[in-house]
Amino acid sequence: MSTSDLAPDTIQRVLFVASSVHVYHIPPLTSTKGYSAASWTADNNKRQIFTARVRIIEDAIPLPDGSGEKLSTNVLLEDPSNGQLFAAAPYTSPSAVEAALDSSRFFAVRVVGEGGRKAVLGIGFEERSEAIDFGIALQEARKIHHMDDVSAADGKNRGKDLVAEKPEVKKDFSLKEGETIHVDIGRQGRRRKEPESSPGQGTDNQALFSIGPPPYFEKEGGNHSALPFLPPPPSGAKSEKRRSRTDTPSQADLGFDDGEFGEFQ
């Protein structure tokens, strides 16, 4: 796009200019990851076309109804001696200019020549600082045209489409033949509240099956304490004597309380 093709009331703003950049005829892209500039400069820069001036121009064209202006950004490759346009790359999306994967000084530019012919050319800066300024100018253009917002929205929409396309897998929780369910209800930590008993209620079944307190022994000073260990097992003679008793144990042997409030008064 030359200056003569613009409307008389068009306002131009230069976002970036570099007087010398190397232009390369690069091979077609063979990887989805991006472009590699190592092959551009191989064989003693055999793929280099010429050295050009590069400019990033922002055009503001007033709308006919006076409601605002139309903005456009172009990357121009020009003859450094006379300023004649060689090729222009309309910067309408971030993919119009892509940084090389293996160097921060090289970029792949999608240009449009005379007659609408399209091509992808490589450009390389001699100074790294110029390449950084070139990238900053493109970042500013993306903000002006809200390209980053559109790319983020497209990414979210693609993610939603993928989620919508994913079929819902229903799980079968029914029991198969021969399968059973085992439920283990733990009672640890839960204690049933015992009803209060009053004197004279000797038929209290809860008191009948309750376990009595452990034995106590008296220590010096009148204090009582539980036995710290179980008594030793009976000797063989005592065991034989105990077995010689009747086979039916008494209620006292079974641990039932026949005291003042027991059932067996």
C-alpha atoms as a PDB file:
ATOM      1  CA  MET A   1       0.000   0.000   0.000  1.00  0.00           C
ATOM      2  CA  SER A   2       1.597   3.268  -1.167  1.00  0.00           C
ATOM      3  CA  THR A   3       0.857   6.746   0.079  1.00  0.00           C
ATOM      4  CA  SER A   4      -0.888   7.672  -3.203  1.00  0.00           C
ATOM      5  CA  ASP A   5      -3.494   4.942  -2.637  1.00  0.00           C
ATOM      6  CA  LEU A   6      -4.715   6.527   0.600  1.00  0.00           C
ATOM      7  CA  ALA A   7      -7.524   9.015   0.999  1.00  0.00           C
ATOM      8  CA  PRO A   8      -6.435  12.660   1.303  1.00  0.00           C
ATOM      9  CA  ASP A   9      -7.719  12.927   4.887  1.00  0.00           C
ATOM     10  CA  THR A  10      -5.971   9.730   6.088  1.00  0.00           C
ATOM     11  CA  ILE A  11      -3.804  10.172   9.174  1.00  0.00           C
ATOM     12  CA  GLN A  12      -0.687   8.014   9.360  1.00  0.00           C
ATOM     13  CA  ARG A  13       1.337   7.159  12.439  1.00  0.00           C
ATOM     14  CA  VAL A  14       4.726   5.440  12.299  1.00  0.00           C
ATOM     15  CA  LEU A  15       4.976   2.761  15.011  1.00  0.00           C
ATOM     16  CA  PHE A  16       8.394   1.436  13.993  1.00  0.00           C
ATOM     17  CA  VAL A  17      11.138   1.994  11.383  1.00  0.00           C
ATOM     18  CA  ALA A  18      14.425   0.217  10.692  1.00  0.00           C
ATOM     19  CA  SER A  19      16.673   1.280   7.823  1.00  0.00           C
ATOM     20  CA  SER A  20      18.222  -2.124   7.132  1.00  0.00           C
ATOM     21  CA  VAL A  21      16.666  -5.589   7.376  1.00  0.00           C
ATOM     22  CA  HIS A  22      17.571  -8.710   5.421  1.00  0.00           C
ATOM     23  CA  VAL A  23      14.764 -10.294   3.399  1.00  0.00           C
ATOM     24  CA  TYR A  24      14.774 -14.057   2.684  1.00  0.00           C
ATOM     25  CA  HIS A  25      12.840 -16.377   0.406  1.00  0.00           C
ATOM     26  CA  ILE A  26      12.055 -19.083   2.952  1.00  0.00           C
ATOM     27  CA  PRO A  27      10.941 -22.694   2.356  1.00  0.00           C
ATOM     28  CA  PRO A  28       7.365 -23.770   3.056  1.00  0.00           C
ATOM     29  CA  LEU A  29       6.448 -24.486   6.632  1.00  0.00           C
ATOM     30  CA  THR A  30       6.913 -28.177   7.446  1.00  0.00           C
ATOM     31  CA  SER A  31       6.121 -28.141  11.177  1.00  0.00           C
ATOM     32  CA  THR A  32       3.054 -26.961  13.029  1.00  0.00           C
ATOM     33  CA  LYS A  33       5.296 -25.576  15.778  1.00  0.00           C
ATOM     34  CA  GLY A  34       6.549 -22.688  13.635  1.00  0.00           C
ATOM     35  CA  TYR A  35       9.439 -21.457  11.510  1.00  0.00           C
ATOM     36  CA  SER A  36      13.118 -22.179  12.012  1.00  0.00           C
ATOM     37  CA  ALA A  37      15.565 -19.533  10.748  1.00  0.00           C
ATOM     38  CA  ALA A  38      18.627 -21.776  10.709  1.00  0.00           C
ATOM     39  CA  SER A  39      17.946 -22.831   7.107  1.00  0.00           C
ATOM     40  CA  TRP A  40      17.359 -19.252   5.931  1.00  0.00           C
ATOM     41  CA  THR A  41      20.984 -18.249   6.336  1.00  0.00           C
ATOM     42  CA  ALA A  42      22.475 -21.594   5.268  1.00  0.00           C
ATOM     43  CA  ASP A  43      24.863 -21.882   2.298  1.00  0.00           C
ATOM     44  CA  ASN A  44      26.263 -18.381   2.775  1.00  0.00           C
ATOM     45  CA  ASN A  45      22.845 -16.632   2.805  1.00  0.00           C
ATOM     46  CA  LYS A  46      21.810 -18.250  -0.453  1.00  0.00           C
ATOM     47  CA  ARG A  47      18.119 -17.540   0.253  1.00  0.00           C
ATOM     48  CA  GLN A  48      18.577 -13.820   0.894  1.00  0.00           C
ATOM     49  CA  ILE A  49      16.733 -11.663  -1.678  1.00  0.00           C
ATOM     50  CA  PHE A  50      17.846  -8.150  -0.789  1.00  0.00           C
ATOM     51  CA  THR A  51      18.144  -5.657   2.064  1.00  0.00           C
ATOM     52  CA  ALA A  52      15.106  -3.467   2.690  1.00  0.00           C
ATOM     53  CA  ARG A  53      13.743  -0.814   4.985  1.00  0.00           C
ATOM     54  CA  VAL A  54      10.900  -1.969   7.228  1.00  0.00           C
ATOM     55  CA  ARG A  55       8.193   0.244   8.674  1.00  0.00           C
ATOM     56  CA  ILE A  56       5.066  -0.407  10.719  1.00  0.00           C
ATOM     57  CA  ILE A  57       2.418   2.168   9.755  1.00  0.00           C
ATOM     58  CA  GLU A  58      -0.960   2.784  11.386  1.00  0.00           C
ATOM     59  CA  ASP A  59      -3.575   4.396   9.129  1.00  0.00           C
ATOM     60  CA  ALA A  60      -6.628   6.181  10.511  1.00  0.00           C
ATOM     61  CA  ILE A  61      -9.258   6.741   7.809  1.00  0.00           C
ATOM     62  CA  PRO A  62     -12.272   8.913   8.819  1.00  0.00           C
ATOM     63  CA  LEU A  63     -15.654   7.289   8.202  1.00  0.00           C
ATOM     64  CA  PRO A  64     -17.996   9.024   5.682  1.00  0.00           C
ATOM     65  CA  ASP A  65     -20.720   9.627   8.269  1.00  0.00           C
ATOM     66  CA  GLY A  66     -18.252  11.286  10.650  1.00  0.00           C
ATOM     67  CA  SER A  67     -18.946   8.757  13.452  1.00  0.00           C
ATOM     68  CA  GLY A  68     -15.301   7.806  13.856  1.00  0.00           C
ATOM     69  CA  GLU A  69     -12.369   6.403  11.949  1.00  0.00           C
ATOM     70  CA  LYS A  70     -11.203   3.090  10.598  1.00  0.00           C
ATOM     71  CA  LEU A  71      -7.806   1.903  11.802  1.00  0.00           C
ATOM     72  CA  SER A  72      -5.468  -0.394   9.901  1.00  0.00           C
ATOM     73  CA  THR A  73      -1.871  -1.465  10.493  1.00  0.00           C
ATOM     74  CA  ASN A  74       0.598  -2.604   7.835  1.00  0.00           C
ATOM     75  CA  VAL A  75       4.172  -3.875   7.857  1.00  0.00           C
ATOM     76  CA  LEU A  76       5.909  -2.338   4.823  1.00  0.00           C
ATOM     77  CA  LEU A  77       9.066  -3.584   3.106  1.00  0.00           C
ATOM     78  CA  GLU A  78      10.525  -0.736   1.007  1.00  0.00           C
ATOM     79  CA  ASP A  79      13.537   0.042  -1.098  1.00  0.00           C
ATOM     80  CA  PRO A  80      15.916   1.886   1.260  1.00  0.00           C
ATOM     81  CA  SER A  81      17.285   4.084  -1.546  1.00  0.00           C
ATOM     82  CA  ASN A  82      14.027   5.597  -2.889  1.00  0.00           C
ATOM     83  CA  GLY A  83      11.282   4.353  -0.548  1.00  0.00           C
ATOM     84  CA  GLN A  84       9.500   2.373  -3.252  1.00  0.00           C
ATOM     85  CA  LEU A  85       7.198  -0.293  -1.816  1.00  0.00           C
ATOM     86  CA  PHE A  86       8.310  -3.875  -2.380  1.00  0.00           C
ATOM     87  CA  ALA A  87       5.646  -5.727  -0.367  1.00  0.00           C
ATOM     88  CA  ALA A  88       3.156  -5.028   2.405  1.00  0.00           C
ATOM     89  CA  ALA A  89       1.857  -7.285   5.156  1.00  0.00           C
ATOM     90  CA  PRO A  90      -1.583  -6.241   6.485  1.00  0.00           C
ATOM     91  CA  TYR A  91      -1.421  -6.867  10.223  1.00  0.00           C
ATOM     92  CA  THR A  92      -4.929  -8.202  10.745  1.00  0.00           C
ATOM     93  CA  SER A  93      -4.051 -11.108  13.045  1.00  0.00           C
ATOM     94  CA  PRO A  94      -1.079 -12.192  15.175  1.00  0.00           C
ATOM     95  CA  SER A  95      -0.262 -14.899  12.610  1.00  0.00           C
ATOM     96  CA  ALA A  96       0.603 -12.237   9.997  1.00  0.00           C
ATOM     97  CA  VAL A  97       4.044 -11.905  11.620  1.00  0.00           C
ATOM     98  CA  GLU A  98       5.512 -14.878  13.482  1.00  0.00           C
ATOM     99  CA  ALA A  99       8.788 -14.952  15.391  1.00  0.00           C
ATOM    100  CA  ALA A 100      11.250 -17.708  14.486  1.00  0.00           C
ATOM    101  CA  LEU A 101      11.645 -20.543  16.954  1.00  0.00           C
ATOM    102  CA  ASP A 102      15.449 -20.560  17.059  1.00  0.00           C
ATOM    103  CA  SER A 103      16.293 -16.833  17.003  1.00  0.00           C
ATOM    104  CA  SER A 104      14.777 -13.619  18.366  1.00  0.00           C
ATOM    105  CA  ARG A 105      16.133 -11.574  15.408  1.00  0.00           C
ATOM    106  CA  PHE A 106      14.172 -13.379  12.646  1.00  0.00           C
ATOM    107  CA  PHE A 107      10.480 -13.227  11.713  1.00  0.00           C
ATOM    108  CA  ALA A 108       8.218 -14.795   9.078  1.00  0.00           C
ATOM    109  CA  VAL A 109       5.999 -12.174   7.406  1.00  0.00           C
ATOM    110  CA  ARG A 110       2.934 -12.900   5.254  1.00  0.00           C
ATOM    111  CA  VAL A 111       3.048 -10.253   2.525  1.00  0.00           C
ATOM    112  CA  VAL A 112       0.676  -9.282  -0.271  1.00  0.00           C
ATOM    113  CA  GLY A 113       2.281  -8.104  -3.511  1.00  0.00           C
ATOM    114  CA  GLU A 114       0.946  -6.472  -6.660  1.00  0.00           C
ATOM    115  CA  GLY A 115      -2.152  -8.150  -8.017  1.00  0.00           C
ATOM    116  CA  GLY A 116      -2.969  -9.690  -4.636  1.00  0.00           C
ATOM    117  CA  ARG A 117      -0.248 -12.311  -4.791  1.00  0.00           C
ATOM    118  CA  LYS A 118       0.610 -13.681  -1.363  1.00  0.00           C
ATOM    119  CA  ALA A 119       3.859 -15.068  -0.042  1.00  0.00           C
ATOM    120  CA  VAL A 120       5.710 -15.698   3.199  1.00  0.00           C
ATOM    121  CA  LEU A 121       9.059 -13.914   3.454  1.00  0.00           C
ATOM    122  CA  GLY A 122      11.638 -14.053   6.179  1.00  0.00           C
ATOM    123  CA  ILE A 123      13.214 -10.929   7.641  1.00  0.00           C
ATOM    124  CA  GLY A 124      16.259 -10.729   9.879  1.00  0.00           C
ATOM    125  CA  PHE A 125      17.601  -7.830  11.958  1.00  0.00           C
ATOM    126  CA  GLU A 126      21.308  -7.322  12.441  1.00  0.00           C
ATOM    127  CA  GLU A 127      20.782  -5.731  15.873  1.00  0.00           C
ATOM    128  CA  ARG A 128      18.867  -7.556  18.572  1.00  0.00           C
ATOM    129  CA  SER A 129      17.620  -4.264  20.020  1.00  0.00           C
ATOM    130  CA  GLU A 130      15.857  -3.440  16.711  1.00  0.00           C
ATOM    131  CA  ALA A 131      14.169  -6.847  16.731  1.00  0.00           C
ATOM    132  CA  ILE A 132      12.912  -6.199  20.278  1.00  0.00           C
ATOM    133  CA  ASP A 133      11.516  -2.791  19.270  1.00  0.00           C
ATOM    134  CA  PHE A 134       9.843  -4.432  16.261  1.00  0.00           C
ATOM    135  CA  GLY A 135       8.097  -6.934  18.540  1.00  0.00           C
ATOM    136  CA  ILE A 136       6.984  -4.182  20.952  1.00  0.00           C
ATOM    137  CA  ALA A 137       5.438  -2.205  18.076  1.00  0.00           C
ATOM    138  CA  LEU A 138       3.489  -5.276  16.969  1.00  0.00           C
ATOM    139  CA  GLN A 139       2.310  -5.778  20.542  1.00  0.00           C
ATOM    140  CA  GLU A 140       1.007  -2.197  20.606  1.00  0.00           C
ATOM    141  CA  ALA A 141      -0.848  -2.821  17.328  1.00  0.00           C
ATOM    142  CA  ARG A 142      -2.481  -5.924  18.792  1.00  0.00           C
ATOM    143  CA  LYS A 143      -3.748  -3.871  21.726  1.00  0.00           C
ATOM    144  CA  ILE A 144      -5.159  -1.187  19.404  1.00  0.00           C
ATOM    145  CA  HIS A 145      -7.041  -3.785  17.351  1.00  0.00           C
ATOM    146  CA  HIS A 146      -7.966  -5.950  20.394  1.00  0.00           C
ATOM    147  CA  MET A 147      -6.388  -8.999  18.753  1.00  0.00           C
ATOM    148  CA  ASP A 148      -5.373 -10.601  22.043  1.00  0.00           C
ATOM    149  CA  ASP A 149      -8.941 -10.358  23.377  1.00  0.00           C
ATOM    150  CA  VAL A 150     -10.324 -12.003  20.234  1.00  0.00           C
ATOM    151  CA  SER A 151      -7.730 -14.801  20.403  1.00  0.00           C
ATOM    152  CA  ALA A 152      -8.554 -15.482  24.062  1.00  0.00           C
ATOM    153  CA  ALA A 153     -12.289 -15.578  23.297  1.00  0.00           C
ATOM    154  CA  ASP A 154     -11.724 -17.977  20.390  1.00  0.00           C
ATOM    155  CA  GLY A 155      -9.674 -20.241  22.666  1.00  0.00           C
ATOM    156  CA  LYS A 156     -12.469 -20.331  25.240  1.00  0.00           C
ATOM    157  CA  ASN A 157     -15.068 -21.088  22.564  1.00  0.00           C
ATOM    158  CA  ARG A 158     -12.958 -23.917  21.174  1.00  0.00           C
ATOM    159  CA  GLY A 159     -12.630 -25.323  24.687  1.00  0.00           C
ATOM    160  CA  LYS A 160     -16.393 -25.205  25.162  1.00  0.00           C
ATOM    161  CA  ASP A 161     -16.922 -26.943  21.831  1.00  0.00           C
ATOM    162  CA  LEU A 162     -14.570 -29.736  22.824  1.00  0.00           C
ATOM    163  CA  VAL A 163     -16.404 -30.206  26.111  1.00  0.00           C
ATOM    164  CA  ALA A 164     -19.759 -30.208  24.312  1.00  0.00           C
ATOM    165  CA  GLU A 165     -18.571 -32.755  21.764  1.00  0.00           C
ATOM    166  CA  LYS A 166     -17.261 -35.131  24.440  1.00  0.00           C
ATOM    167  CA  PRO A 167     -19.953 -37.767  24.978  1.00  0.00           C
ATOM    168  CA  GLU A 168     -21.209 -38.287  28.476  1.00  0.00           C
ATOM    169  CA  VAL A 169     -20.220 -41.668  29.873  1.00  0.00           C
ATOM    170  CA  LYS A 170     -22.897 -43.137  32.136  1.00  0.00           C
ATOM    171  CA  LYS A 171     -21.671 -45.409  34.900  1.00  0.00           C
ATOM    172  CA  ASP A 172     -23.545 -48.602  35.782  1.00  0.00           C
ATOM    173  CA  PHE A 173     -23.881 -48.926  39.556  1.00  0.00           C
ATOM    174  CA  SER A 174     -26.262 -51.903  39.457  1.00  0.00           C
ATOM    175  CA  LEU A 175     -25.229 -55.156  41.160  1.00  0.00           C
ATOM    176  CA  LYS A 176     -24.033 -57.898  38.877  1.00  0.00           C
ATOM    177  CA  GLU A 177     -24.988 -61.535  39.341  1.00  0.00           C
ATOM    178  CA  GLY A 178     -23.377 -62.969  42.479  1.00  0.00           C
ATOM    179  CA  GLU A 179     -22.340 -59.545  43.868  1.00  0.00           C
ATOM    180  CA  THR A 180     -23.369 -58.476  47.357  1.00  0.00           C
ATOM    181  CA  ILE A 181     -23.049 -55.319  49.422  1.00  0.00           C
ATOM    182  CA  HIS A 182     -21.315 -55.473  52.788  1.00  0.00           C
ATOM    183  CA  VAL A 183     -22.143 -52.628  55.184  1.00  0.00           C
ATOM    184  CA  ASP A 184     -19.908 -52.255  58.249  1.00  0.00           C
ATOM    185  CA  ILE A 185     -21.520 -49.972  60.821  1.00  0.00           C
ATOM    186  CA  GLY A 186     -18.945 -49.020  63.397  1.00  0.00           C
ATOM    187  CA  ARG A 187     -20.071 -48.386  66.951  1.00  0.00           C
ATOM    188  CA  GLN A 188     -16.759 -47.161  68.271  1.00  0.00           C
ATOM    189  CA  GLY A 189     -17.033 -43.904  70.119  1.00  0.00           C
ATOM    190  CA  ARG A 190     -20.803 -44.211  70.630  1.00  0.00           C
ATOM    191  CA  ARG A 191     -22.096 -44.976  74.123  1.00  0.00           C
ATOM    192  CA  ARG A 192     -25.645 -45.687  75.055  1.00  0.00           C
ATOM    193  CA  LYS A 193     -26.926 -43.518  77.845  1.00  0.00           C
ATOM    194  CA  GLU A 194     -27.877 -45.627  80.855  1.00  0.00           C
ATOM    195  CA  PRO A 195     -31.147 -44.766  82.593  1.00  0.00           C
ATOM    196  CA  GLU A 196     -30.892 -43.586  86.169  1.00  0.00           C
ATOM    197  CA  SER A 197     -31.842 -46.192  88.787  1.00  0.00           C
ATOM    198  CA  SER A 198     -33.391 -45.521  92.140  1.00  0.00           C
ATOM    199  CA  PRO A 199     -33.180 -47.579  95.339  1.00  0.00           C
ATOM    200  CA  GLY A 200     -35.572 -50.499  95.395  1.00  0.00           C
ATOM    201  CA  GLN A 201     -35.600 -51.121  91.671  1.00  0.00           C
ATOM    202  CA  GLY A 202     -33.980 -54.559  91.875  1.00  0.00           C
ATOM    203  CA  THR A 203     -35.407 -55.744  88.553  1.00  0.00           C
ATOM    204  CA  ASP A 204     -33.360 -53.266  86.466  1.00  0.00           C
ATOM    205  CA  ASN A 205     -32.108 -55.320  83.494  1.00  0.00           C
ATOM    206  CA  GLN A 206     -29.468 -52.673  82.650  1.00  0.00           C
ATOM    207  CA  ALA A 207     -27.943 -53.095  86.122  1.00  0.00           C
ATOM    208  CA  LEU A 208     -28.295 -56.856  85.770  1.00  0.00           C
ATOM    209  CA  PHE A 209     -25.942 -57.054  82.782  1.00  0.00           C
ATOM    210  CA  SER A 210     -23.606 -54.198  83.660  1.00  0.00           C
ATOM    211  CA  ILE A 211     -19.933 -54.865  84.257  1.00  0.00           C
ATOM    212  CA  GLY A 212     -18.801 -54.044  87.757  1.00  0.00           C
ATOM    213  CA  PRO A 213     -15.887 -51.706  88.526  1.00  0.00           C
ATOM    214  CA  PRO A 214     -12.345 -53.117  88.756  1.00  0.00           C
ATOM    215  CA  PRO A 215     -11.014 -54.146  92.186  1.00  0.00           C
ATOM    216  CA  TYR A 216      -9.252 -51.566  94.330  1.00  0.00           C
ATOM    217  CA  PHE A 217      -6.505 -51.781  96.868  1.00  0.00           C
ATOM    218  CA  GLU A 218      -5.743 -49.403  99.648  1.00  0.00           C
ATOM    219  CA  LYS A 219      -2.546 -47.418  99.577  1.00  0.00           C
ATOM    220  CA  GLU A 220      -0.879 -45.514 102.308  1.00  0.00           C
ATOM    221  CA  GLY A 221      -2.799 -42.405 103.296  1.00  0.00           C
ATOM    222  CA  GLY A 222      -6.208 -43.985 102.762  1.00  0.00           C
ATOM    223  CA  ASN A 223      -6.242 -43.439  98.981  1.00  0.00           C
ATOM    224  CA  HIS A 224      -7.659 -46.107  96.703  1.00  0.00           C
ATOM    225  CA  SER A 225      -6.406 -46.961  93.294  1.00  0.00           C
ATOM    226  CA  ALA A 226      -7.154 -49.575  90.626  1.00  0.00           C
ATOM    227  CA  LEU A 227      -4.866 -52.549  90.369  1.00  0.00           C
ATOM    228  CA  PRO A 228      -2.150 -51.767  87.841  1.00  0.00           C
ATOM    229  CA  PHE A 229      -2.084 -55.340  86.501  1.00  0.00           C
ATOM    230  CA  LEU A 230      -4.187 -58.481  86.341  1.00  0.00           C
ATOM    231  CA  PRO A 231      -3.679 -61.164  89.035  1.00  0.00           C
ATOM    232  CA  PRO A 232      -1.561 -64.162  88.032  1.00  0.00           C
ATOM    233  CA  PRO A 233      -3.294 -67.316  86.761  1.00  0.00           C
ATOM    234  CA  PRO A 234      -4.101 -69.992  89.378  1.00  0.00           C
ATOM    235  CA  SER A 235      -1.678 -72.841  89.980  1.00  0.00           C
ATOM    236  CA  GLY A 236      -2.304 -76.365  88.760  1.00  0.00           C
ATOM    237  CA  ALA A 237      -3.551 -77.626  92.154  1.00  0.00           C
ATOM    238  CA  LYS A 238      -6.020 -74.780  92.527  1.00  0.00           C
ATOM    239  CA  SER A 239      -7.227 -75.316  88.975  1.00  0.00           C
ATOM    240  CA  GLU A 240      -7.804 -79.003  89.658  1.00  0.00           C
ATOM    241  CA  LYS A 241      -9.648 -78.187  92.866  1.00  0.00           C
ATOM    242  CA  ARG A 242     -11.811 -75.656  91.042  1.00  0.00           C
ATOM    243  CA  ARG A 243     -12.633 -78.158  88.346  1.00  0.00           C
ATOM    244  CA  SER A 244     -13.686 -80.649  91.054  1.00  0.00           C
ATOM    245  CA  ARG A 245     -16.542 -78.397  92.068  1.00  0.00           C
ATOM    246  CA  THR A 246     -19.960 -78.605  90.542  1.00  0.00           C
ATOM    247  CA  ASP A 247     -20.127 -78.011  86.794  1.00  0.00           C
ATOM    248  CA  THR A 248     -22.831 -75.372  87.208  1.00  0.00           C
ATOM    249  CA  PRO A 249     -21.288 -72.002  88.274  1.00  0.00           C
ATOM    250  CA  SER A 250     -23.080 -69.844  90.784  1.00  0.00           C
ATOM    251  CA  GLN A 251     -24.532 -66.392  90.019  1.00  0.00           C
ATOM    252  CA  ALA A 252     -21.675 -64.824  91.971  1.00  0.00           C
ATOM    253  CA  ASP A 253     -19.147 -66.694  89.768  1.00  0.00           C
ATOM    254  CA  LEU A 254     -20.821 -65.257  86.711  1.00  0.00           C
ATOM    255  CA  GLY A 255     -20.371 -61.735  88.075  1.00  0.00           C
ATOM    256  CA  PHE A 256     -24.010 -60.882  88.863  1.00  0.00           C
ATOM    257  CA  ASP A 257     -24.583 -58.359  91.605  1.00  0.00           C
ATOM    258  CA  ASP A 258     -26.637 -59.733  94.505  1.00  0.00           C
ATOM    259  CA  GLY A 259     -25.996 -56.819  96.832  1.00  0.00           C
ATOM    260  CA  GLU A 260     -28.368 -54.236  98.143  1.00  0.00           C
ATOM    261  CA  PHE A 261     -29.747 -53.187  94.757  1.00  0.00           C
ATOM    262  CA  GLY A 262     -29.270 -56.486  92.885  1.00  0.00           C
ATOM    263  CA  GLU A 263     -31.928 -58.845  91.654  1.00  0.00           C
ATOM    264  CA  PHE A 264     -31.047 -61.731  93.970  1.00  0.00           C
ATOM    265  CA  GLN A 265     -31.913 -60.273  97.404  1.00  0.00           C
END
